[in-house]
Each structure stands twice: as C-alpha cells, then as structure tokens.
Amino acid sequence: MPRRATKIVATLGPASSDAGILQKMIEAGVNVVRLNFSHGKAQDHIDRARLVREVAQKAGREVAIMADLQGPKIRVGKFVDGKIMLQDGQPFVLDAARTELGDLHSAGLDYKQLPQDVKAGDVLLLNDGLLVLDVVAVRGAQVHTVVRVGGELSNNKGINKQGGGLTAPALTAKDMEDIRTAMSLLADYVAVSFPKSATDMEMARQLCNVAGAELGHRPALIAKIERAEAIPRLEEILKASDGIMVARGDLAVEVGNAAVPALQKRMIRLALAHDKVVITATQMMESMITNPAPTRAEVSDVANAVLDGTDAVMLSAETAAGKYPLETVQEMAKICEAAESAEHVEIDADFTGQTFNRIDQSIAMGALFTAHHLGAKAIVAMTDSGSTALWMSRHRIHIPIYALTPKLSTQRKMALYRNVRPLLMDTSSDRDQALAQAEGHLIARGIVAPGDVYAITCGEPMGAPGGTNMLKICRVGAG
C-alpha cells in the first residue's frame, strides 16, 4: 500500500474509460473517481460506475465514486458556423429572446435571466475569462455590450459576471434527475456546483436522501466553491456540507486570478478546523493534457496544495480527455509524496488551547498524541461511521491511520480522507476477539511486524455509532 497521505481524484472520460487503463490508474494511486454529469447520458454514468467497481475489485482497492452535478447552464447559445471571432471595440448583443443561431453581431442565451441580472457598467467574462464584454445597456431581453477583449467565441461557452451576482439556482431540473441516477449507482459523494448558501446544500442533501432512501444510501455532499457570493458565506456552506471543493476555474473568473491562492489556503484551513474534507481542483496538471511531463509551476501548485493540508488533489480533463492519463496520475502521486516528506508535524501545538467535549473525539486526539510520542508504526481506528478516522485525519502526522470498518459504504467514503487507509473488516461483537482480529489483519497485510507498537481505538459495546471510548497501545507479540 502506498505511504502517500494526500488522495487523488481522477475524472473519468473517453481517455480513461478503458478497463485496462483505468486499472493501471487505480493501481498508480487514484482514490476517488469523478463522474462529470455535465457530459453524457444517465446510462453512460451507470455503465462507468459499474466499470469502476469491477476494475477496483480486480485491482484489490476500494475507490470512492463522486457524482459531480452540472449546475446551472450560464452559457451563450450556438452559432451558425459553430464559432465567431470578436474584435476589440465592436458592439455585440446577447439576446435572451433570440431563437435562431448566433452571428457576428448577436447571440442567443441558454441563460434567459441574464438581462435581469446585469446593468450598464457591469463586466461579463466569457469562455473562462478569455473574452471580456462591457455592458453598455439592457433593453428588454437584449444585453448590449462592447467587446473589451476579443477572440474566438464558440457554441455554449460559459458566462460569468465580474464580482458575481448571477441569480441562477444551484440545483436545476437536470441536477434533480442526475441525483436520482447518482443514487441508483450508489455514488459515495455528490458534488454540488455553484452553491451560494447553506440552503442550496440542505436542498441537495434532502434530494439525495429521498432518492437514496429505498436503497438505504446516504452520500456525502461536497460544495464546489466557485461563486463570488459563496465566499462571505463559506462557513455556513461548510457546516451544511461534508466537504468543499476549491473549484479554482469559475471562482478565478469571478473574483480574479490573483485572489485565488490566498482563498485556497483559507478554505483548506477552514475545512480542517470544521472537521470537513477539502479537494483542490482545476488545472493542476493542465499541460499534461498534451505533454508527457508537467511544468515546474504545476509541480509547485500541487505541492503547495499538499503543504496547505488538502485532503485531495483533483484531475479533470487531464484524465478525462488527455493523452497521458496514467502518466498524469503517476506524476501527481510522486509530487504528493515528495511534498509530504517535507511536512512539519506539530501535534502538540495542534492541541494547545483545544477543548474536546465528546469522549469519542478526545479518544481520537489521544491516539494521535500518544502514537506520535511513542513512535508507533500505525494508528488503527475501528469505526462504524468513519468519524473517528476523519477527526484523526484533520491533524498532520506521519503515522498512517488504518480505519477498519464493517461497512462498505463507510470504507468507500473514507477513501477521500487524508492519511487514512480504509479496510473492510467484520468486527466481532466481542471486544477481545475484535482486537485480535484487527491485529491479525495488520500482520497479514505487512503493516506491523513482531515488536512493533501501534495504537488502536474502538467502542464498547462494539458496533455502536459514535461510541468510540477506548484507546489501547499494543506491541505485536513475537509469537
């Protein structure tokens, strides 16, 4: 098993949907597979999820599946020739009422509310900010603009408003349908695009729980932070979610590129402080879509996210449509390991001034503290829900955390937690038997050997969620 603590999320697409390639990617270190619901039909996602489960089993690894919802389509319509070339200084009209294909003077809108959301003086950014339009007037359904920065504009390119302020709801009718599909394939995580408030996340959770009820399935929810409006409400969104994604693409277009690195650091800090998971995403290894090696800047970017404490780093087009999906995963794993080896562990400082009101949380922190000072080989959490392992993983420690759970859904969910290696184990209801089983499990996997010390946490009575109340320090017997 790799000693890498940071997890890798890889997006599935045409480049990685072959069973052989996917298996090699999982063996190279993919922990979570992302299904992008912006592309493909429901059946495509169901087929790909089945492929992931089969391939992971063959590779002897359990990976999580993340269903990433499309969210609102804030886009221009289509053009007669598929694209146009806008010149600096030319007038251009975005027309919500236009039904015919666009031309050099005007284009239709997928997002019909745009005229209500903008006024003269606003700045619109198209195609990830590569094109800049200044709004000069709004007349009925027409938004009149002048091109400030021109270039090629093709079908269905995205629209952002500088500083935010587009009113599109986070969950569309398509998303609601996609949630049903995601629950049918038992997605472990659902990523919600463009949430603006805790209410958006609460609504998504309700929809997921209703859709998953008959299967007894409840996914974890990830809020993608990509709107300017989400920044002042970060804490409330975080509390309503199981984790966040630092979605640097749309966010950078709305708040400006320069603001994103500091926001990334703040989001990661906040997520860790609130016992939530965090994924850093967008353009991490972008050049590897076409090149067999990353740029120095990309290496630095991935390493910085690792040093910030992110749970996972994410690949999008690199693995979905790139020429080197396997090599990208291998390079990313190498960068993560190198960055982690340079991390500074300050467990004692982490706990200074901290108060723990819960027994299970205190036990988790006690395990970290004791294992660190004893130089233990491993920390073992016997967990039903995964909470104990999650708490432990919020703190930087160079001792691997093995989470033993009897639940497959918990094992898969924990695949995203930093420095946690989730293993499936039927825990006996008898405590001593369960502890002996756990040690046998570790020895069989070569995690510990005779003479090694490890810390183990569990709950009495066994199997009660939230019942972790015991920490035991063990030395593996020579016999």
Protein backbone atom coordinates (compact mmCIF):
# COMPACT_ATOMS: atom_id res chain seq x y z
CA MET A 1 0.00 0.00 0.00
CA PRO A 2 1.35 3.47 -0.85
CA ARG A 3 2.52 5.67 2.02
CA ARG A 4 1.04 8.74 0.32
CA ALA A 5 -1.37 10.63 2.59
CA THR A 6 -2.91 13.02 0.02
CA LYS A 7 -5.61 11.43 -2.08
CA ILE A 8 -6.03 11.70 -5.86
CA VAL A 9 -9.38 12.34 -7.55
CA ALA A 10 -9.42 11.50 -11.27
CA THR A 11 -12.19 12.36 -13.72
CA LEU A 12 -13.41 9.55 -15.95
CA GLY A 13 -13.84 10.29 -19.64
CA PRO A 14 -13.04 8.91 -23.11
CA ALA A 15 -9.31 8.74 -22.30
CA SER A 16 -9.79 6.66 -19.16
CA SER A 17 -12.90 4.53 -19.76
CA ASP A 18 -10.91 1.52 -20.96
CA ALA A 19 -10.79 -1.13 -18.22
CA GLY A 20 -7.03 -1.73 -18.67
CA ILE A 21 -6.09 1.96 -18.44
CA LEU A 22 -8.45 2.54 -15.51
CA GLN A 23 -7.00 -0.40 -13.58
CA LYS A 24 -3.47 0.94 -14.07
CA MET A 25 -4.64 4.39 -12.91
CA ILE A 26 -6.17 2.92 -9.75
CA GLU A 27 -3.01 0.89 -9.10
CA ALA A 28 -0.96 4.08 -9.65
CA GLY A 29 -2.89 5.84 -6.90
CA VAL A 30 -6.39 7.02 -7.87
CA ASN A 31 -8.54 7.02 -4.71
CA VAL A 32 -11.71 8.68 -5.99
CA VAL A 33 -13.21 8.54 -9.47
CA ARG A 34 -15.22 11.58 -10.54
CA LEU A 35 -18.14 11.21 -12.94
CA ASN A 36 -18.80 14.56 -14.60
CA PHE A 37 -22.57 14.87 -15.11
CA SER A 38 -22.05 17.85 -17.46
CA HIS A 39 -21.32 15.27 -20.16
CA GLY A 40 -23.05 12.06 -21.21
CA LYS A 41 -26.40 10.41 -20.54
CA ALA A 42 -27.61 8.69 -17.38
CA GLN A 43 -26.82 5.24 -18.80
CA ASP A 44 -23.22 6.31 -19.56
CA HIS A 45 -22.68 7.15 -15.89
CA ILE A 46 -24.32 3.92 -14.71
CA ASP A 47 -22.06 1.91 -17.07
CA ARG A 48 -18.94 3.82 -15.97
CA ALA A 49 -19.76 3.37 -12.28
CA ARG A 50 -20.12 -0.39 -12.85
CA LEU A 51 -16.76 -0.38 -14.65
CA VAL A 52 -15.11 1.47 -11.72
CA ARG A 53 -16.44 -1.04 -9.18
CA GLU A 54 -15.33 -4.05 -11.27
CA VAL A 55 -11.88 -2.65 -12.02
CA ALA A 56 -11.28 -1.55 -8.41
CA GLN A 57 -12.13 -5.05 -7.22
CA LYS A 58 -9.68 -6.51 -9.74
CA ALA A 59 -7.00 -4.07 -8.56
CA GLY A 60 -7.71 -5.04 -4.94
CA ARG A 61 -8.50 -1.42 -3.98
CA GLU A 62 -11.71 0.24 -2.88
CA VAL A 63 -12.24 3.62 -4.51
CA ALA A 64 -14.97 6.18 -3.95
CA ILE A 65 -17.23 7.43 -6.74
CA MET A 66 -18.06 11.13 -6.90
CA ALA A 67 -21.02 12.33 -8.99
CA ASP A 68 -20.34 15.93 -9.99
CA LEU A 69 -23.57 17.77 -10.88
CA GLN A 70 -23.59 20.17 -13.81
CA GLY A 71 -25.43 23.00 -12.08
CA PRO A 72 -26.99 25.93 -13.96
CA LYS A 73 -26.03 26.39 -17.62
CA ILE A 74 -24.94 30.03 -17.69
CA ARG A 75 -23.89 29.97 -21.33
CA VAL A 76 -24.26 31.63 -24.70
CA GLY A 77 -26.23 29.78 -27.39
CA LYS A 78 -24.92 28.29 -30.63
CA PHE A 79 -23.54 29.98 -33.77
CA VAL A 80 -24.21 29.49 -37.49
CA ASP A 81 -20.65 28.28 -38.13
CA GLY A 82 -20.08 26.95 -34.63
CA LYS A 83 -17.98 29.97 -33.68
CA ILE A 84 -17.29 33.66 -34.35
CA MET A 85 -14.29 35.95 -33.95
CA LEU A 86 -14.98 39.03 -31.81
CA GLN A 87 -12.82 42.13 -32.38
CA ASP A 88 -11.87 44.61 -29.64
CA GLY A 89 -14.21 47.63 -29.63
CA GLN A 90 -17.04 46.05 -31.65
CA PRO A 91 -20.64 46.08 -30.35
CA PHE A 92 -22.14 42.67 -29.53
CA VAL A 93 -25.66 41.78 -28.32
CA LEU A 94 -26.57 38.88 -26.02
CA ASP A 95 -30.24 38.27 -26.74
CA ALA A 96 -32.34 36.06 -24.41
CA ALA A 97 -35.24 36.11 -26.92
CA ARG A 98 -33.18 35.04 -29.94
CA THR A 99 -34.11 31.59 -31.25
CA GLU A 100 -32.01 31.48 -34.44
CA LEU A 101 -28.29 30.67 -34.41
CA GLY A 102 -25.87 33.46 -33.47
CA ASP A 103 -23.72 35.56 -35.79
CA LEU A 104 -21.02 38.23 -35.56
CA HIS A 105 -23.48 40.81 -34.19
CA SER A 106 -25.66 38.86 -31.76
CA ALA A 107 -26.06 35.53 -29.99
CA GLY A 108 -28.80 33.73 -28.10
CA LEU A 109 -28.55 32.67 -24.46
CA ASP A 110 -29.06 29.38 -22.64
CA TYR A 111 -29.34 31.53 -19.54
CA LYS A 112 -32.52 33.55 -20.10
CA GLN A 113 -32.27 35.53 -16.83
CA LEU A 114 -29.11 37.40 -17.89
CA PRO A 115 -30.95 40.67 -18.81
CA GLN A 116 -32.46 40.80 -15.27
CA ASP A 117 -29.08 40.15 -13.63
CA VAL A 118 -26.97 42.83 -15.32
CA LYS A 119 -26.97 46.59 -15.86
CA ALA A 120 -24.87 49.16 -17.74
CA GLY A 121 -21.35 49.27 -16.32
CA ASP A 122 -21.19 45.54 -15.49
CA VAL A 123 -18.41 43.41 -16.95
CA LEU A 124 -19.13 39.98 -18.47
CA LEU A 125 -16.41 37.36 -18.81
CA LEU A 126 -16.91 34.62 -21.41
CA ASN A 127 -15.07 31.35 -22.01
CA ASP A 128 -13.31 31.25 -18.60
CA GLY A 129 -12.48 34.95 -18.73
CA LEU A 130 -10.63 34.87 -22.05
CA LEU A 131 -13.18 37.28 -23.58
CA VAL A 132 -14.30 40.47 -21.79
CA LEU A 133 -17.51 42.38 -22.64
CA ASP A 134 -18.57 45.71 -21.12
CA VAL A 135 -22.35 46.07 -20.69
CA VAL A 136 -23.48 49.43 -22.11
CA ALA A 137 -27.28 48.97 -21.96
CA VAL A 138 -30.06 46.46 -21.23
CA ARG A 139 -33.13 46.79 -23.47
CA GLY A 140 -35.84 44.22 -22.76
CA ALA A 141 -34.36 40.79 -23.46
CA GLN A 142 -31.22 42.25 -25.02
CA VAL A 143 -27.92 42.90 -23.26
CA HIS A 144 -25.91 45.38 -25.37
CA THR A 145 -22.16 45.17 -24.89
CA VAL A 146 -18.90 46.43 -26.34
CA VAL A 147 -16.03 43.97 -26.69
CA ARG A 148 -13.10 44.96 -24.45
CA VAL A 149 -11.01 41.83 -25.06
CA GLY A 150 -11.91 39.90 -28.20
CA GLY A 151 -11.12 36.44 -29.51
CA GLU A 152 -12.87 33.28 -30.60
CA LEU A 153 -16.31 32.60 -29.14
CA SER A 154 -17.76 29.17 -29.87
CA ASN A 155 -21.01 27.34 -29.07
CA ASN A 156 -22.24 27.15 -25.47
CA LYS A 157 -19.30 28.90 -23.84
CA GLY A 158 -19.80 29.93 -20.20
CA ILE A 159 -20.68 33.43 -18.97
CA ASN A 160 -19.55 34.91 -15.66
CA LYS A 161 -20.21 38.33 -14.20
CA GLN A 162 -17.20 40.01 -12.65
CA GLY A 163 -17.73 40.14 -8.89
CA GLY A 164 -20.60 37.64 -9.07
CA GLY A 165 -24.31 38.36 -8.92
CA LEU A 166 -25.95 35.90 -11.34
CA THR A 167 -29.18 34.60 -9.78
CA ALA A 168 -29.27 31.09 -11.32
CA PRO A 169 -30.32 28.48 -8.73
CA ALA A 170 -27.64 25.93 -7.77
CA LEU A 171 -29.91 22.95 -8.50
CA THR A 172 -31.63 22.64 -11.88
CA ALA A 173 -34.25 20.14 -13.07
CA LYS A 174 -31.41 18.22 -14.76
CA ASP A 175 -29.47 18.09 -11.47
CA MET A 176 -32.51 16.67 -9.68
CA GLU A 177 -32.75 13.93 -12.31
CA ASP A 178 -28.99 13.36 -12.09
CA ILE A 179 -29.22 12.98 -8.30
CA ARG A 180 -31.62 10.07 -8.85
CA THR A 181 -29.12 8.49 -11.26
CA ALA A 182 -26.24 9.10 -8.82
CA MET A 183 -28.17 7.38 -6.03
CA SER A 184 -29.05 4.40 -8.26
CA LEU A 185 -25.32 3.80 -8.84
CA LEU A 186 -24.60 4.37 -5.11
CA ALA A 187 -22.29 7.38 -5.58
CA ASP A 188 -20.33 7.90 -2.37
CA TYR A 189 -20.03 11.66 -2.90
CA VAL A 190 -22.22 14.19 -4.70
CA ALA A 191 -20.52 17.46 -5.69
CA VAL A 192 -22.92 20.42 -5.94
CA SER A 193 -21.98 23.11 -8.49
CA PHE A 194 -22.32 26.85 -7.78
CA PRO A 195 -23.94 26.77 -4.29
CA LYS A 196 -24.45 30.28 -2.91
CA SER A 197 -25.69 29.42 0.60
CA ALA A 198 -26.26 26.66 3.13
CA THR A 199 -29.83 26.38 1.81
CA ASP A 200 -28.55 25.13 -1.56
CA MET A 201 -26.63 22.35 0.20
CA GLU A 202 -29.53 21.48 2.51
CA MET A 203 -31.83 21.15 -0.50
CA ALA A 204 -29.29 18.91 -2.28
CA ARG A 205 -29.00 16.73 0.84
CA GLN A 206 -32.76 16.36 1.07
CA LEU A 207 -32.97 15.34 -2.59
CA CYS A 208 -30.12 12.82 -2.17
CA ASN A 209 -31.63 11.31 0.97
CA VAL A 210 -35.06 10.94 -0.63
CA ALA A 211 -33.61 9.43 -3.84
CA GLY A 212 -31.33 7.09 -1.87
CA ALA A 213 -33.91 6.08 0.75
CA GLU A 214 -35.15 2.89 -0.92
CA LEU A 215 -31.54 1.72 -1.33
CA GLY A 216 -30.66 2.77 2.23
CA HIS A 217 -27.95 5.00 0.77
CA ARG A 218 -26.84 8.43 2.02
CA PRO A 219 -23.97 10.07 0.14
CA ALA A 220 -21.60 12.68 1.50
CA LEU A 221 -22.00 16.16 -0.05
CA ILE A 222 -19.22 18.34 -1.45
CA ALA A 223 -19.90 22.05 -2.06
CA LYS A 224 -17.96 23.39 -5.03
CA ILE A 225 -16.86 26.91 -4.12
CA GLU A 226 -16.92 28.71 -7.47
CA ARG A 227 -19.11 31.80 -6.99
CA ALA A 228 -18.10 35.14 -5.53
CA GLU A 229 -21.27 35.05 -3.38
CA ALA A 230 -20.12 31.82 -1.71
CA ILE A 231 -17.01 33.44 -0.19
CA PRO A 232 -18.70 35.57 2.54
CA ARG A 233 -20.93 32.54 3.34
CA LEU A 234 -18.13 29.98 3.34
CA GLU A 235 -18.60 28.93 6.95
CA GLU A 236 -22.35 28.33 6.70
CA ILE A 237 -21.90 26.39 3.41
CA LEU A 238 -19.14 24.33 5.05
CA LYS A 239 -21.34 23.47 8.03
CA ALA A 240 -24.13 22.29 5.71
CA SER A 241 -21.73 20.08 3.70
CA ASP A 242 -19.40 17.15 4.32
CA GLY A 243 -16.63 18.90 2.45
CA ILE A 244 -15.75 21.56 -0.09
CA MET A 245 -14.01 21.72 -3.42
CA VAL A 246 -11.74 24.67 -4.17
CA ALA A 247 -13.04 24.99 -7.74
CA ARG A 248 -10.48 27.46 -9.00
CA GLY A 249 -11.79 27.89 -12.57
CA ASP A 250 -15.09 29.72 -12.24
CA LEU A 251 -14.02 31.21 -8.91
CA ALA A 252 -10.98 32.84 -10.51
CA VAL A 253 -13.12 34.30 -13.30
CA GLU A 254 -15.49 35.91 -10.76
CA VAL A 255 -13.02 37.13 -8.11
CA GLY A 256 -9.89 37.49 -10.26
CA ASN A 257 -6.91 35.12 -10.60
CA ALA A 258 -4.79 36.98 -8.04
CA ALA A 259 -7.29 36.44 -5.21
CA VAL A 260 -7.48 32.65 -5.59
CA PRO A 261 -4.23 31.37 -3.94
CA ALA A 262 -5.00 33.12 -0.63
CA LEU A 263 -8.63 31.95 -0.81
CA GLN A 264 -7.43 28.39 -1.41
CA LYS A 265 -5.30 28.50 1.76
CA ARG A 266 -8.16 29.99 3.76
CA MET A 267 -10.67 27.38 2.54
CA ILE A 268 -8.34 24.48 3.37
CA ARG A 269 -7.67 25.89 6.87
CA LEU A 270 -11.37 26.41 7.49
CA ALA A 271 -12.33 22.92 6.28
CA LEU A 272 -9.75 21.28 8.55
CA ALA A 273 -10.87 23.38 11.52
CA HIS A 274 -14.50 22.29 10.97
CA ASP A 275 -13.64 18.57 10.54
CA LYS A 276 -14.63 18.62 6.86
CA VAL A 277 -12.82 17.26 3.81
CA VAL A 278 -11.37 19.51 1.11
CA ILE A 279 -10.45 18.89 -2.53
CA THR A 280 -8.24 21.26 -4.53
CA ALA A 281 -9.19 21.27 -8.21
CA THR A 282 -8.81 22.86 -11.67
CA GLN A 283 -5.78 22.99 -13.98
CA MET A 284 -3.49 21.23 -11.52
CA MET A 285 -1.64 19.35 -14.27
CA GLU A 286 -3.26 21.09 -17.25
CA SER A 287 -0.21 20.90 -19.54
CA MET A 288 -0.25 17.08 -19.26
CA ILE A 289 -3.42 17.00 -21.39
CA THR A 290 -0.98 17.17 -24.31
CA ASN A 291 2.52 16.78 -22.75
CA PRO A 292 4.07 13.74 -21.04
CA ALA A 293 5.55 15.85 -18.19
CA PRO A 294 4.14 18.67 -16.02
CA THR A 295 5.54 22.20 -15.90
CA ARG A 296 7.59 23.32 -12.89
CA ALA A 297 4.75 25.68 -11.96
CA GLU A 298 2.24 22.79 -11.91
CA VAL A 299 4.54 20.71 -9.71
CA SER A 300 4.78 23.66 -7.34
CA ASP A 301 1.00 24.18 -7.40
CA VAL A 302 0.22 20.55 -6.48
CA ALA A 303 2.94 20.54 -3.79
CA ASN A 304 1.60 23.76 -2.28
CA ALA A 305 -1.91 22.34 -2.00
CA VAL A 306 -0.43 19.29 -0.23
CA LEU A 307 1.57 21.51 2.14
CA ASP A 308 -1.60 23.54 2.82
CA GLY A 309 -3.19 20.30 4.08
CA THR A 310 -5.70 19.49 1.34
CA ASP A 311 -7.28 16.02 1.55
CA ALA A 312 -7.15 15.51 -2.18
CA VAL A 313 -5.90 16.98 -5.44
CA MET A 314 -8.09 16.60 -8.50
CA LEU A 315 -7.53 15.90 -12.19
CA SER A 316 -10.20 16.93 -14.71
CA ALA A 317 -9.51 16.98 -18.46
CA GLU A 318 -6.03 15.56 -17.77
CA THR A 319 -7.50 12.10 -17.12
CA ALA A 320 -10.87 12.51 -18.88
CA ALA A 321 -9.62 13.55 -22.32
CA GLY A 322 -5.83 13.91 -22.10
CA LYS A 323 -3.18 11.96 -23.98
CA TYR A 324 -1.41 10.79 -20.81
CA PRO A 325 -4.00 9.86 -18.15
CA LEU A 326 -1.84 7.19 -16.46
CA GLU A 327 1.37 9.25 -16.53
CA THR A 328 -0.51 12.21 -15.03
CA VAL A 329 -1.64 10.12 -12.04
CA GLN A 330 1.88 8.73 -11.58
CA GLU A 331 3.43 12.22 -11.67
CA MET A 332 0.83 13.59 -9.26
CA ALA A 333 1.42 10.75 -6.78
CA LYS A 334 5.19 11.43 -6.90
CA ILE A 335 4.72 15.15 -6.24
CA CYS A 336 2.37 14.44 -3.29
CA GLU A 337 4.82 12.02 -1.68
CA ALA A 338 7.76 14.41 -2.08
CA ALA A 339 5.79 17.32 -0.58
CA GLU A 340 4.55 15.22 2.35
CA SER A 341 8.09 14.14 3.22
CA ALA A 342 8.91 17.82 3.79
CA GLU A 343 5.90 18.49 6.05
CA HIS A 344 6.44 19.68 9.59
CA VAL A 345 4.44 17.78 12.24
CA GLU A 346 3.25 19.84 15.21
CA ILE A 347 0.78 17.57 17.01
CA ASP A 348 1.45 19.16 20.43
CA ALA A 349 0.82 22.67 19.08
CA ASP A 350 -2.39 21.44 17.39
CA PHE A 351 -3.89 20.60 20.77
CA THR A 352 -2.79 23.67 22.70
CA GLY A 353 -5.85 25.57 23.91
CA GLN A 354 -8.20 22.95 22.41
CA THR A 355 -11.16 21.62 24.35
CA PHE A 356 -12.91 18.38 23.49
CA ASN A 357 -16.45 17.92 24.79
CA ARG A 358 -17.01 14.50 23.25
CA ILE A 359 -15.49 11.28 24.54
CA ASP A 360 -15.00 9.82 21.05
CA GLN A 361 -13.24 12.96 19.81
CA SER A 362 -10.98 13.02 22.89
CA ILE A 363 -10.04 9.37 22.29
CA ALA A 364 -9.18 10.15 18.64
CA MET A 365 -6.93 13.04 19.69
CA GLY A 366 -5.37 10.94 22.47
CA ALA A 367 -4.47 8.26 19.92
CA LEU A 368 -2.66 10.79 17.72
CA PHE A 369 -0.76 12.34 20.62
CA THR A 370 0.31 9.01 22.12
CA ALA A 371 1.23 7.36 18.79
CA HIS A 372 3.33 10.37 17.82
CA HIS A 373 5.31 10.37 21.08
CA LEU A 374 5.76 6.60 21.15
CA GLY A 375 6.85 6.45 17.50
CA ALA A 376 4.06 3.95 16.76
CA LYS A 377 4.04 2.11 13.42
CA ALA A 378 0.32 2.61 12.85
CA ILE A 379 -2.84 4.09 14.31
CA VAL A 380 -5.91 1.91 13.99
CA ALA A 381 -9.47 3.18 14.28
CA MET A 382 -12.25 0.63 14.47
CA THR A 383 -15.11 2.71 13.19
CA ASP A 384 -18.70 2.26 12.07
CA SER A 385 -19.39 5.71 10.64
CA GLY A 386 -15.81 6.82 9.89
CA SER A 387 -15.97 9.83 12.25
CA THR A 388 -13.01 8.77 14.40
CA ALA A 389 -10.80 8.37 11.32
CA LEU A 390 -11.99 11.73 9.96
CA TRP A 391 -11.08 13.57 13.19
CA MET A 392 -7.66 11.95 13.26
CA SER A 393 -7.05 12.85 9.62
CA ARG A 394 -7.55 16.58 10.28
CA HIS A 395 -4.15 16.68 12.00
CA ARG A 396 -0.79 16.28 10.31
CA ILE A 397 1.03 13.16 11.44
CA HIS A 398 3.49 10.93 9.62
CA ILE A 399 1.97 7.74 11.03
CA PRO A 400 -0.57 6.02 8.75
CA ILE A 401 -4.13 5.75 10.05
CA TYR A 402 -5.83 2.44 9.26
CA ALA A 403 -9.60 2.60 9.55
CA LEU A 404 -11.27 -0.78 9.99
CA THR A 405 -14.98 -0.79 9.29
CA PRO A 406 -17.62 -3.46 8.73
CA LYS A 407 -19.48 -1.15 6.31
CA LEU A 408 -18.57 -0.99 2.62
CA SER A 409 -20.17 2.46 2.26
CA THR A 410 -18.01 3.79 5.13
CA GLN A 411 -14.88 2.23 3.63
CA ARG A 412 -15.53 3.93 0.29
CA LYS A 413 -16.30 7.30 1.87
CA MET A 414 -13.03 7.20 3.83
CA ALA A 415 -11.08 6.78 0.55
CA LEU A 416 -11.09 10.61 0.37
CA TYR A 417 -9.75 11.26 3.89
CA ARG A 418 -6.14 12.41 4.05
CA ASN A 419 -3.72 9.82 5.51
CA VAL A 420 -6.50 7.27 6.08
CA ARG A 421 -6.27 3.78 4.61
CA PRO A 422 -9.72 2.26 4.89
CA LEU A 423 -10.02 -1.51 5.23
CA LEU A 424 -13.11 -3.69 5.40
CA MET A 425 -13.27 -5.96 8.41
CA ASP A 426 -16.16 -7.75 10.03
CA THR A 427 -15.67 -6.62 13.60
CA SER A 428 -16.76 -9.19 16.14
CA SER A 429 -19.18 -8.09 18.84
CA ASP A 430 -16.71 -9.43 21.44
CA ARG A 431 -14.10 -6.75 22.14
CA ASP A 432 -11.08 -9.00 22.74
CA GLN A 433 -11.88 -11.07 19.68
CA ALA A 434 -12.26 -7.89 17.59
CA LEU A 435 -8.90 -6.52 18.78
CA ALA A 436 -7.20 -9.83 17.98
CA GLN A 437 -8.85 -9.84 14.55
CA ALA A 438 -7.64 -6.29 13.93
CA GLU A 439 -4.03 -7.17 14.79
CA GLY A 440 -4.23 -10.27 12.56
CA HIS A 441 -5.47 -8.03 9.76
CA LEU A 442 -2.47 -5.68 10.17
CA ILE A 443 0.08 -8.51 10.33
CA ALA A 444 -1.41 -10.24 7.27
CA ARG A 445 -1.06 -7.01 5.27
CA GLY A 446 2.53 -6.44 6.39
CA ILE A 447 1.57 -3.21 8.20
CA VAL A 448 3.04 -4.31 11.52
CA ALA A 449 5.58 -6.97 12.47
CA PRO A 450 6.59 -8.56 15.81
CA GLY A 451 7.89 -5.92 18.21
CA ASP A 452 6.06 -3.01 16.52
CA VAL A 453 3.91 -0.69 18.61
CA TYR A 454 0.52 0.54 17.36
CA ALA A 455 -2.41 2.45 18.85
CA ILE A 456 -5.97 1.21 18.43
CA THR A 457 -9.30 2.88 19.21
CA CYS A 458 -12.70 1.22 19.47
CA GLY A 459 -16.00 1.48 21.28
CA GLU A 460 -17.72 -0.61 23.94
CA PRO A 461 -20.23 -2.01 23.29
CA MET A 462 -18.89 -2.83 19.82
CA GLY A 463 -20.73 -1.53 16.73
CA ALA A 464 -22.49 1.45 18.34
CA PRO A 465 -22.01 4.51 16.06
CA GLY A 466 -20.31 7.42 17.85
CA GLY A 467 -19.33 5.06 20.65
CA THR A 468 -15.52 5.20 20.47
CA ASN A 469 -14.48 5.25 24.12
CA MET A 470 -11.31 3.17 24.32
CA LEU A 471 -7.65 3.66 23.36
CA LYS A 472 -5.24 0.76 23.68
CA ILE A 473 -1.49 0.77 22.96
CA CYS A 474 -0.31 -2.62 21.74
CA ARG A 475 3.02 -4.26 20.96
CA VAL A 476 2.90 -7.06 18.42
CA GLY A 477 3.96 -10.30 20.12
CA ALA A 478 6.98 -12.21 18.84
CA GLY A 479 4.80 -15.34 18.69
